C-alpha atoms as a PDB file:
ATOM      1  CA  UNK A   1      38.603 -18.823   9.109  1.00  0.00           C
ATOM      2  CA  UNK A   2      41.724 -19.106  11.235  1.00  0.00           C
ATOM      3  CA  UNK A   3      42.660 -15.506  10.426  1.00  0.00           C
ATOM      4  CA  UNK A   4      39.166 -14.343  11.530  1.00  0.00           C
ATOM      5  CA  UNK A   5      39.441 -16.146  14.851  1.00  0.00           C
ATOM      6  CA  UNK A   6      42.889 -14.690  15.427  1.00  0.00           C
ATOM      7  CA  UNK A   7      41.616 -11.172  14.676  1.00  0.00           C
ATOM      8  CA  UNK A   8      38.685 -11.617  17.092  1.00  0.00           C
ATOM      9  CA  UNK A   9      41.035 -12.858  19.810  1.00  0.00           C
ATOM     10  CA  UNK A  10      43.238  -9.794  19.414  1.00  0.00           C
ATOM     11  CA  UNK A  11      40.270  -7.453  19.818  1.00  0.00           C
ATOM     12  CA  UNK A  12      39.115  -9.131  23.041  1.00  0.00           C
ATOM     13  CA  UNK A  13      40.037  -7.490  26.350  1.00  0.00           C
ATOM     14  CA  UNK A  14      40.905  -8.878  29.741  1.00  0.00           C
ATOM     15  CA  UNK A  15      37.943  -9.023  32.114  1.00  0.00           C
ATOM     16  CA  UNK A  16      37.591  -8.416  35.863  1.00  0.00           C
ATOM     17  CA  UNK A  17      34.445  -9.454  37.749  1.00  0.00           C
ATOM     18  CA  UNK A  18      33.824  -8.008  41.222  1.00  0.00           C
ATOM     19  CA  UNK A  19      31.270  -9.981  43.273  1.00  0.00           C
ATOM     20  CA  UNK A  20      29.812  -8.468  46.439  1.00  0.00           C
ATOM     21  CA  UNK A  21      30.596 -10.335  49.674  1.00  0.00           C
ATOM     22  CA  UNK A  22      28.140 -10.559  52.611  1.00  0.00           C
ATOM     23  CA  UNK A  23      30.154  -8.178  54.809  1.00  0.00           C
ATOM     24  CA  UNK A  24      30.395  -5.522  52.090  1.00  0.00           C
ATOM     25  CA  UNK A  25      28.492  -2.325  51.465  1.00  0.00           C
ATOM     26  CA  UNK A  26      25.886  -3.520  48.908  1.00  0.00           C
ATOM     27  CA  UNK A  27      26.708  -3.058  45.233  1.00  0.00           C
ATOM     28  CA  UNK A  28      25.785  -4.541  41.883  1.00  0.00           C
ATOM     29  CA  UNK A  29      28.183  -7.166  40.491  1.00  0.00           C
ATOM     30  CA  UNK A  30      30.690  -5.519  38.135  1.00  0.00           C
ATOM     31  CA  UNK A  31      31.980  -6.857  34.803  1.00  0.00           C
ATOM     32  CA  UNK A  32      34.841  -4.530  33.913  1.00  0.00           C
ATOM     33  CA  UNK A  33      36.677  -4.680  30.603  1.00  0.00           C
ATOM     34  CA  UNK A  34      40.373  -3.911  31.101  1.00  0.00           C
ATOM     35  CA  UNK A  35      41.212  -2.606  27.637  1.00  0.00           C
ATOM     36  CA  UNK A  36      42.639   0.379  29.549  1.00  0.00           C
ATOM     37  CA  UNK A  37      43.457   1.135  33.207  1.00  0.00           C
ATOM     38  CA  UNK A  38      40.257   1.403  35.245  1.00  0.00           C
ATOM     39  CA  UNK A  39      39.767   3.877  38.086  1.00  0.00           C
ATOM     40  CA  UNK A  40      38.219   2.661  41.319  1.00  0.00           C
ATOM     41  CA  UNK A  41      36.543   5.467  43.254  1.00  0.00           C
ATOM     42  CA  UNK A  42      33.560   7.079  44.926  1.00  0.00           C
ATOM     43  CA  UNK A  43      30.502   8.205  43.003  1.00  0.00           C
ATOM     44  CA  UNK A  44      30.430  11.928  42.172  1.00  0.00           C
ATOM     45  CA  UNK A  45      28.321  14.110  39.869  1.00  0.00           C
ATOM     46  CA  UNK A  46      30.045  13.119  36.631  1.00  0.00           C
ATOM     47  CA  UNK A  47      31.036   9.586  37.597  1.00  0.00           C
ATOM     48  CA  UNK A  48      28.062   7.380  38.432  1.00  0.00           C
ATOM     49  CA  UNK A  49      28.081   3.645  39.299  1.00  0.00           C
ATOM     50  CA  UNK A  50      27.271   1.099  36.589  1.00  0.00           C
ATOM     51  CA  UNK A  51      27.731  -2.628  36.051  1.00  0.00           C
ATOM     52  CA  UNK A  52      30.738  -2.003  33.776  1.00  0.00           C
ATOM     53  CA  UNK A  53      32.861   0.451  35.802  1.00  0.00           C
ATOM     54  CA  UNK A  54      34.681   0.724  39.120  1.00  0.00           C
ATOM     55  CA  UNK A  55      32.635   3.568  40.604  1.00  0.00           C
ATOM     56  CA  UNK A  56      30.777   2.811  43.858  1.00  0.00           C
ATOM     57  CA  UNK A  57      28.177   4.742  45.826  1.00  0.00           C
ATOM     58  CA  UNK A  58      30.144   4.316  49.063  1.00  0.00           C
ATOM     59  CA  UNK A  59      31.150   7.142  51.408  1.00  0.00           C
ATOM     60  CA  UNK A  60      34.376   5.544  52.714  1.00  0.00           C
ATOM     61  CA  UNK A  61      35.996   5.486  49.252  1.00  0.00           C
ATOM     62  CA  UNK A  62      38.104   8.324  47.896  1.00  0.00           C
ATOM     63  CA  UNK A  63      37.247   9.880  44.533  1.00  0.00           C
ATOM     64  CA  UNK A  64      40.464   8.455  43.073  1.00  0.00           C
ATOM     65  CA  UNK A  65      40.879   5.421  45.306  1.00  0.00           C
ATOM     66  CA  UNK A  66      42.779   2.839  43.232  1.00  0.00           C
ATOM     67  CA  UNK A  67      43.683   1.700  39.720  1.00  0.00           C
ATOM     68  CA  UNK A  68      43.132  -1.734  38.155  1.00  0.00           C
ATOM     69  CA  UNK A  69      44.755  -2.762  34.874  1.00  0.00           C
ATOM     70  CA  UNK A  70      46.051  -5.604  32.698  1.00  0.00           C
ATOM     71  CA  UNK A  71      49.569  -5.509  31.299  1.00  0.00           C
ATOM     72  CA  UNK A  72      51.869  -8.098  29.728  1.00  0.00           C
ATOM     73  CA  UNK A  73      49.654 -11.020  30.707  1.00  0.00           C
ATOM     74  CA  UNK A  74      49.259  -9.965  34.350  1.00  0.00           C
ATOM     75  CA  UNK A  75      46.664  -8.127  36.427  1.00  0.00           C
ATOM     76  CA  UNK A  76      47.683  -5.285  38.727  1.00  0.00           C
ATOM     77  CA  UNK A  77      46.053  -3.237  41.487  1.00  0.00           C
ATOM     78  CA  UNK A  78      47.443   0.012  42.904  1.00  0.00           C
ATOM     79  CA  UNK A  79      46.258   2.303  45.705  1.00  0.00           C
ATOM     80  CA  UNK A  80      46.314   5.907  44.470  1.00  0.00           C
ATOM     81  CA  UNK A  81      46.710   7.828  47.750  1.00  0.00           C
ATOM     82  CA  UNK A  82      43.333   6.840  49.192  1.00  0.00           C
ATOM     83  CA  UNK A  83      42.398   7.899  52.729  1.00  0.00           C
ATOM     84  CA  UNK A  84      41.040   4.559  53.973  1.00  0.00           C
ATOM     85  CA  UNK A  85      43.301   2.146  52.130  1.00  0.00           C
ATOM     86  CA  UNK A  86      43.139  -0.773  49.704  1.00  0.00           C
ATOM     87  CA  UNK A  87      43.486  -4.393  50.830  1.00  0.00           C
ATOM     88  CA  UNK A  88      44.293  -7.637  49.028  1.00  0.00           C
ATOM     89  CA  UNK A  89      43.445 -10.711  51.122  1.00  0.00           C
ATOM     90  CA  UNK A  90      43.423  -8.560  54.284  1.00  0.00           C
ATOM     91  CA  UNK A  91      46.834  -7.000  53.529  1.00  0.00           C
ATOM     92  CA  UNK A  92      46.878  -3.207  53.161  1.00  0.00           C
ATOM     93  CA  UNK A  93      48.885  -2.020  50.187  1.00  0.00           C
ATOM     94  CA  UNK A  94      50.182   1.191  51.803  1.00  0.00           C
ATOM     95  CA  UNK A  95      49.557   3.796  54.483  1.00  0.00           C
ATOM     96  CA  UNK A  96      46.783   6.347  54.113  1.00  0.00           C
ATOM     97  CA  UNK A  97      47.572   9.172  51.692  1.00  0.00           C
ATOM     98  CA  UNK A  98      50.442   7.275  50.049  1.00  0.00           C
ATOM     99  CA  UNK A  99      50.587   5.725  46.596  1.00  0.00           C
ATOM    100  CA  UNK A 100      51.348   2.023  46.712  1.00  0.00           C
ATOM    101  CA  UNK A 101      53.513   0.035  44.318  1.00  0.00           C
ATOM    102  CA  UNK A 102      51.572  -1.943  41.733  1.00  0.00           C
ATOM    103  CA  UNK A 103      50.604  -5.343  43.205  1.00  0.00           C
ATOM    104  CA  UNK A 104      49.896  -8.346  40.998  1.00  0.00           C
ATOM    105  CA  UNK A 105      46.556  -9.968  41.788  1.00  0.00           C
ATOM    106  CA  UNK A 106      44.975 -13.290  40.943  1.00  0.00           C
ATOM    107  CA  UNK A 107      41.496 -14.641  40.404  1.00  0.00           C
ATOM    108  CA  UNK A 108      39.788 -15.576  43.681  1.00  0.00           C
ATOM    109  CA  UNK A 109      41.464 -12.910  45.804  1.00  0.00           C
ATOM    110  CA  UNK A 110      39.374 -10.857  48.221  1.00  0.00           C
ATOM    111  CA  UNK A 111      39.689  -7.142  47.452  1.00  0.00           C
ATOM    112  CA  UNK A 112      38.663  -4.477  49.978  1.00  0.00           C
ATOM    113  CA  UNK A 113      38.426  -0.771  49.288  1.00  0.00           C
ATOM    114  CA  UNK A 114      38.287   1.386  52.436  1.00  0.00           C
ATOM    115  CA  UNK A 115      37.351   0.445  56.001  1.00  0.00           C
ATOM    116  CA  UNK A 116      34.154   0.763  58.027  1.00  0.00           C
ATOM    117  CA  UNK A 117      33.646   4.292  59.412  1.00  0.00           C
ATOM    118  CA  UNK A 118      31.323   5.237  62.280  1.00  0.00           C
ATOM    119  CA  UNK A 119      29.828   8.700  62.760  1.00  0.00           C
ATOM    120  CA  UNK A 120      26.985  10.374  64.654  1.00  0.00           C
ATOM    121  CA  UNK A 121      23.946  11.751  62.844  1.00  0.00           C
ATOM    122  CA  UNK A 122      22.057  14.904  63.808  1.00  0.00           C
ATOM    123  CA  UNK A 123      20.039  13.000  66.410  1.00  0.00           C
ATOM    124  CA  UNK A 124      23.192  11.705  68.087  1.00  0.00           C
ATOM    125  CA  UNK A 125      22.747   8.128  66.795  1.00  0.00           C
ATOM    126  CA  UNK A 126      25.795   6.176  65.630  1.00  0.00           C
ATOM    127  CA  UNK A 127      25.782   5.206  61.956  1.00  0.00           C
ATOM    128  CA  UNK A 128      28.245   2.737  60.393  1.00  0.00           C
ATOM    129  CA  UNK A 129      29.292   3.279  56.770  1.00  0.00           C
ATOM    130  CA  UNK A 130      30.444  -0.017  55.246  1.00  0.00           C
ATOM    131  CA  UNK A 131      33.333  -0.524  52.843  1.00  0.00           C
ATOM    132  CA  UNK A 132      33.521  -2.379  49.527  1.00  0.00           C
ATOM    133  CA  UNK A 133      34.558  -6.027  49.923  1.00  0.00           C
ATOM    134  CA  UNK A 134      34.548  -8.151  46.774  1.00  0.00           C
ATOM    135  CA  UNK A 135      35.800 -11.445  45.401  1.00  0.00           C
ATOM    136  CA  UNK A 136      37.595 -10.715  42.155  1.00  0.00           C
ATOM    137  CA  UNK A 137      37.536 -13.109  39.205  1.00  0.00           C
ATOM    138  CA  UNK A 138      40.023 -12.370  36.415  1.00  0.00           C
ATOM    139  CA  UNK A 139      40.098 -13.597  32.810  1.00  0.00           C
ATOM    140  CA  UNK A 140      42.820 -13.176  30.200  1.00  0.00           C
ATOM    141  CA  UNK A 141      41.765 -11.895  26.749  1.00  0.00           C
ATOM    142  CA  UNK A 142      41.754 -15.514  25.477  1.00  0.00           C
ATOM    143  CA  UNK A 143      39.213 -16.508  28.160  1.00  0.00           C
ATOM    144  CA  UNK A 144      41.618 -18.294  30.535  1.00  0.00           C
ATOM    145  CA  UNK A 145      41.063 -17.564  34.232  1.00  0.00           C
ATOM    146  CA  UNK A 146      44.052 -15.915  35.925  1.00  0.00           C
ATOM    147  CA  UNK A 147      44.463 -18.364  38.787  1.00  0.00           C
ATOM    148  CA  UNK A 148      47.584 -18.311  40.975  1.00  0.00           C
ATOM    149  CA  UNK A 149      50.243 -20.888  40.244  1.00  0.00           C
ATOM    150  CA  UNK A 150      49.984 -24.072  42.341  1.00  0.00           C
ATOM    151  CA  UNK A 151      53.296 -23.241  44.017  1.00  0.00           C
ATOM    152  CA  UNK A 152      54.402 -19.627  44.250  1.00  0.00           C
ATOM    153  CA  UNK A 153      58.117 -19.015  44.784  1.00  0.00           C
ATOM    154  CA  UNK A 154      59.776 -16.148  46.567  1.00  0.00           C
ATOM    155  CA  UNK A 155      61.008 -14.753  43.241  1.00  0.00           C
ATOM    156  CA  UNK A 156      57.631 -14.174  41.624  1.00  0.00           C
ATOM    157  CA  UNK A 157      55.548 -13.321  44.737  1.00  0.00           C
ATOM    158  CA  UNK A 158      57.564 -12.295  47.826  1.00  0.00           C
ATOM    159  CA  UNK A 159      56.067 -13.204  51.172  1.00  0.00           C
ATOM    160  CA  UNK A 160      53.256 -15.359  49.763  1.00  0.00           C
ATOM    161  CA  UNK A 161      52.643 -19.082  49.666  1.00  0.00           C
ATOM    162  CA  UNK A 162      49.709 -21.296  48.921  1.00  0.00           C
ATOM    163  CA  UNK A 163      49.162 -21.907  52.634  1.00  0.00           C
ATOM    164  CA  UNK A 164      49.137 -18.165  53.346  1.00  0.00           C
ATOM    165  CA  UNK A 165      46.483 -17.665  50.688  1.00  0.00           C
ATOM    166  CA  UNK A 166      44.326 -20.295  52.394  1.00  0.00           C
ATOM    167  CA  UNK A 167      44.770 -18.509  55.723  1.00  0.00           C
ATOM    168  CA  UNK A 168      43.596 -15.236  54.197  1.00  0.00           C
ATOM    169  CA  UNK A 169      40.553 -16.989  52.801  1.00  0.00           C
ATOM    170  CA  UNK A 170      39.818 -18.549  56.191  1.00  0.00           C
ATOM    171  CA  UNK A 171      40.143 -15.175  57.922  1.00  0.00           C
ATOM    172  CA  UNK A 172      37.630 -13.706  55.487  1.00  0.00           C
ATOM    173  CA  UNK A 173      35.195 -16.536  56.160  1.00  0.00           C
ATOM    174  CA  UNK A 174      35.555 -15.940  59.897  1.00  0.00           C
ATOM    175  CA  UNK A 175      34.841 -12.243  59.420  1.00  0.00           C
ATOM    176  CA  UNK A 176      31.680 -13.070  57.491  1.00  0.00           C
ATOM    177  CA  UNK A 177      30.605 -15.526  60.212  1.00  0.00           C
ATOM    178  CA  UNK A 178      31.116 -12.859  62.886  1.00  0.00           C
ATOM    179  CA  UNK A 179      29.056 -10.445  60.829  1.00  0.00           C
ATOM    180  CA  UNK A 180      26.181 -12.955  60.594  1.00  0.00           C
ATOM    181  CA  UNK A 181      26.485 -13.703  64.312  1.00  0.00           C
ATOM    182  CA  UNK A 182      26.229  -9.995  65.115  1.00  0.00           C
ATOM    183  CA  UNK A 183      23.075  -9.656  63.020  1.00  0.00           C
ATOM    184  CA  UNK A 184      21.560 -12.731  64.686  1.00  0.00           C
ATOM    185  CA  UNK A 185      22.381 -11.334  68.118  1.00  0.00           C
ATOM    186  CA  UNK A 186      20.599  -8.090  67.272  1.00  0.00           C
ATOM    187  CA  UNK A 187      17.504  -9.999  66.151  1.00  0.00           C
ATOM    188  CA  UNK A 188      17.541 -12.095  69.331  1.00  0.00           C
ATOM    189  CA  UNK A 189      17.698  -8.944  71.446  1.00  0.00           C
ATOM    190  CA  UNK A 190      14.739  -7.551  69.519  1.00  0.00           C
ATOM    191  CA  UNK A 191      12.867 -10.822  70.095  1.00  0.00           C
ATOM    192  CA  UNK A 192      13.575 -10.698  73.835  1.00  0.00           C
ATOM    193  CA  UNK A 193      12.298  -7.131  74.004  1.00  0.00           C
ATOM    194  CA  UNK A 194       9.175  -8.131  72.095  1.00  0.00           C
ATOM    195  CA  UNK A 195       8.537 -11.042  74.478  1.00  0.00           C
ATOM    196  CA  UNK A 196       8.948  -8.679  77.426  1.00  0.00           C
ATOM    197  CA  UNK A 197       6.468  -6.239  75.890  1.00  0.00           C
ATOM    198  CA  UNK A 198       4.037  -9.095  75.275  1.00  0.00           C
ATOM    199  CA  UNK A 199       4.249 -10.148  78.913  1.00  0.00           C
ATOM    200  CA  UNK A 200       3.569  -6.599  80.051  1.00  0.00           C
ATOM    201  CA  UNK A 201       0.579  -6.354  77.696  1.00  0.00           C
ATOM    202  CA  UNK A 202      -0.758  -9.671  79.030  1.00  0.00           C
ATOM    203  CA  UNK A 203      -0.457  -8.489  82.626  1.00  0.00           C
ATOM    204  CA  UNK A 204      -2.202  -5.249  81.705  1.00  0.00           C
ATOM    205  CA  UNK A 205      -4.989  -7.275  80.117  1.00  0.00           C
ATOM    206  CA  UNK A 206      -5.509  -9.328  83.271  1.00  0.00           C
ATOM    207  CA  UNK A 207      -5.545  -6.163  85.350  1.00  0.00           C
ATOM    208  CA  UNK A 208      -8.174  -4.678  83.031  1.00  0.00           C
ATOM    209  CA  UNK A 209     -10.349  -7.788  83.454  1.00  0.00           C
ATOM    210  CA  UNK A 210     -10.036  -7.498  87.237  1.00  0.00           C
ATOM    211  CA  UNK A 211     -10.970  -3.823  87.070  1.00  0.00           C
ATOM    212  CA  UNK A 212     -13.972  -4.715  84.930  1.00  0.00           C
ATOM    213  CA  UNK A 213     -15.153  -7.253  87.522  1.00  0.00           C
ATOM    214  CA  UNK A 214     -14.869  -4.592  90.198  1.00  0.00           C
ATOM    215  CA  UNK A 215     -16.911  -2.164  88.106  1.00  0.00           C
ATOM    216  CA  UNK A 216     -19.581  -4.780  87.483  1.00  0.00           C
ATOM    217  CA  UNK A 217     -19.782  -5.485  91.202  1.00  0.00           C
ATOM    218  CA  UNK A 218     -20.097  -1.765  91.845  1.00  0.00           C
ATOM    219  CA  UNK A 219     -22.904  -1.530  89.316  1.00  0.00           C
ATOM    220  CA  UNK A 220     -24.722  -4.446  90.899  1.00  0.00           C
ATOM    221  CA  UNK A 221     -24.453  -2.821  94.321  1.00  0.00           C
ATOM    222  CA  UNK A 222     -25.821   0.450  92.930  1.00  0.00           C
ATOM    223  CA  UNK A 223     -28.750  -1.364  91.388  1.00  0.00           C
ATOM    224  CA  UNK A 224     -29.513  -2.981  94.744  1.00  0.00           C
ATOM    225  CA  UNK A 225     -29.349   0.391  96.446  1.00  0.00           C
ATOM    226  CA  UNK A 226     -31.709   1.775  93.815  1.00  0.00           C
ATOM    227  CA  UNK A 227     -34.163  -1.005  94.536  1.00  0.00           C
ATOM    228  CA  UNK A 228     -34.049  -0.198  98.270  1.00  0.00           C
ATOM    229  CA  UNK A 229     -34.418   3.553  97.723  1.00  0.00           C
ATOM    230  CA  UNK A 230     -37.467   2.980  95.572  1.00  0.00           C
ATOM    231  CA  UNK A 231     -39.319   1.813  98.640  1.00  0.00           C
ATOM    232  CA  UNK A 232     -38.392   4.794 100.841  1.00  0.00           C
ATOM    233  CA  UNK A 233     -38.393   7.879  98.573  1.00  0.00           C
ATOM    234  CA  UNK A 234     -40.862   9.899  96.571  1.00  0.00           C
ATOM    235  CA  UNK A 235     -41.187   9.471  92.835  1.00  0.00           C
ATOM    236  CA  UNK A 236     -39.327  12.732  91.974  1.00  0.00           C
ATOM    237  CA  UNK A 237     -36.462  11.934  94.307  1.00  0.00           C
ATOM    238  CA  UNK A 238     -36.215   8.417  92.921  1.00  0.00           C
ATOM    239  CA  UNK A 239     -36.195   9.765  89.367  1.00  0.00           C
ATOM    240  CA  UNK A 240     -33.296  12.093  90.152  1.00  0.00           C
ATOM    241  CA  UNK A 241     -31.306   9.419  91.954  1.00  0.00           C
ATOM    242  CA  UNK A 242     -32.070   6.942  89.170  1.00  0.00           C
ATOM    243  CA  UNK A 243     -30.774   9.402  86.591  1.00  0.00           C
ATOM    244  CA  UNK A 244     -27.600   9.967  88.620  1.00  0.00           C
ATOM    245  CA  UNK A 245     -27.086   6.240  89.049  1.00  0.00           C
ATOM    246  CA  UNK A 246     -27.670   5.642  85.350  1.00  0.00           C
ATOM    247  CA  UNK A 247     -25.034   8.261  84.491  1.00  0.00           C
ATOM    248  CA  UNK A 248     -22.586   6.606  86.891  1.00  0.00           C
ATOM    249  CA  UNK A 249     -23.334   3.245  85.343  1.00  0.00           C
ATOM    250  CA  UNK A 250     -22.761   4.542  81.807  1.00  0.00           C
ATOM    251  CA  UNK A 251     -19.531   6.211  82.886  1.00  0.00           C
ATOM    252  CA  UNK A 252     -18.173   3.040  84.493  1.00  0.00           C
ATOM    253  CA  UNK A 253     -19.150   0.899  81.508  1.00  0.00           C
ATOM    254  CA  UNK A 254     -17.541   3.291  79.025  1.00  0.00           C
ATOM    255  CA  UNK A 255     -14.311   3.496  81.032  1.00  0.00           C
ATOM    256  CA  UNK A 256     -14.184  -0.271  81.407  1.00  0.00           C
ATOM    257  CA  UNK A 257     -14.757  -0.983  77.711  1.00  0.00           C
ATOM    258  CA  UNK A 258     -12.211   1.581  76.541  1.00  0.00           C
ATOM    259  CA  UNK A 259      -9.575   0.269  78.960  1.00  0.00           C
ATOM    260  CA  UNK A 260     -10.170  -3.324  77.887  1.00  0.00           C
ATOM    261  CA  UNK A 261     -10.138  -2.418  74.179  1.00  0.00           C
ATOM    262  CA  UNK A 262      -6.838  -0.552  74.480  1.00  0.00           C
ATOM    263  CA  UNK A 263      -5.147  -3.385  76.370  1.00  0.00           C
ATOM    264  CA  UNK A 264      -6.379  -6.058  73.951  1.00  0.00           C
ATOM    265  CA  UNK A 265      -5.187  -3.957  70.988  1.00  0.00           C
ATOM    266  CA  UNK A 266      -1.705  -3.590  72.505  1.00  0.00           C
ATOM    267  CA  UNK A 267      -1.576  -7.327  73.162  1.00  0.00           C
ATOM    268  CA  UNK A 268      -2.606  -8.125  69.587  1.00  0.00           C
ATOM    269  CA  UNK A 269       0.089  -5.807  68.160  1.00  0.00           C
ATOM    270  CA  UNK A 270       2.751  -7.372  70.384  1.00  0.00           C
ATOM    271  CA  UNK A 271       1.753 -10.913  69.347  1.00  0.00           C
ATOM    272  CA  UNK A 272       1.825  -9.891  65.664  1.00  0.00           C
ATOM    273  CA  UNK A 273       5.345  -8.428  66.000  1.00  0.00           C
ATOM    274  CA  UNK A 274       6.508 -11.579  67.805  1.00  0.00           C
ATOM    275  CA  UNK A 275       5.168 -13.776  64.995  1.00  0.00           C
ATOM    276  CA  UNK A 276       6.883 -11.643  62.300  1.00  0.00           C
ATOM    277  CA  UNK A 277      10.211 -11.750  64.122  1.00  0.00           C
ATOM    278  CA  UNK A 278      10.019 -15.517  64.641  1.00  0.00           C
ATOM    279  CA  UNK A 279       9.345 -15.936  60.917  1.00  0.00           C
ATOM    280  CA  UNK A 280      12.332 -13.682  60.105  1.00  0.00           C
ATOM    281  CA  UNK A 281      14.597 -15.741  62.357  1.00  0.00           C
ATOM    282  CA  UNK A 282      13.330 -18.931  60.763  1.00  0.00           C
ATOM    283  CA  UNK A 283      14.242 -17.661  57.299  1.00  0.00           C
ATOM    284  CA  UNK A 284      17.856 -17.187  58.393  1.00  0.00           C
END
């Protein structure tokens, strides 16, 4: 029984889990077995993204962006001459186009592949392509999580301390908060524009009602004139004038109804959009 457990433990592989962060280009959580070095890179014809590999459908990544592997009880990450860089807790491993030294990583670190890139589309609009930002969770083959030591010394991790790790984590949280604030600001601007459009639609509606009152007054005056003419003109003349007045009346009524219908429709659409946006803001 003990021999069977020992054999199973030897066949197990180290595991890396990449969880998508809010400020990342969206991707499915990855569970990557590190029985061999794993390539991190952009999706191409023969290499498609899946939940068990390091391939991402993200334009800012290089085809061969980085390597992730497990060796001698430690986890390592290396940038393999990517264009937009690889970052561990906001620290870039090397300059663009250079291969970095292997860097030991620990469970809970924030890994970033590439940087945000802006470009113009065919219509001249600016489009932002996001990068991959993930929290990495690492497990040894025996199931132990690869957490950093409580106190890192200068010999085993130059330039790092527990306090520095906390600062990196805080900086990442601040970046996420700024991202949420930016999205909220965009929604507020859209809400303000919608309120402005609603006000304009309301004013147009009032103007249409005023115009309708004027048309009704005009119709009443024409009817009075018709009544007066009926006393002073022959029957044929009255019939012609009555027909002309009736056509004018129908024309004014049609114009008034169409104008009022269009304004009320615009107002209803604006109120509906305002309600949807308020509900969206409430869900945040």
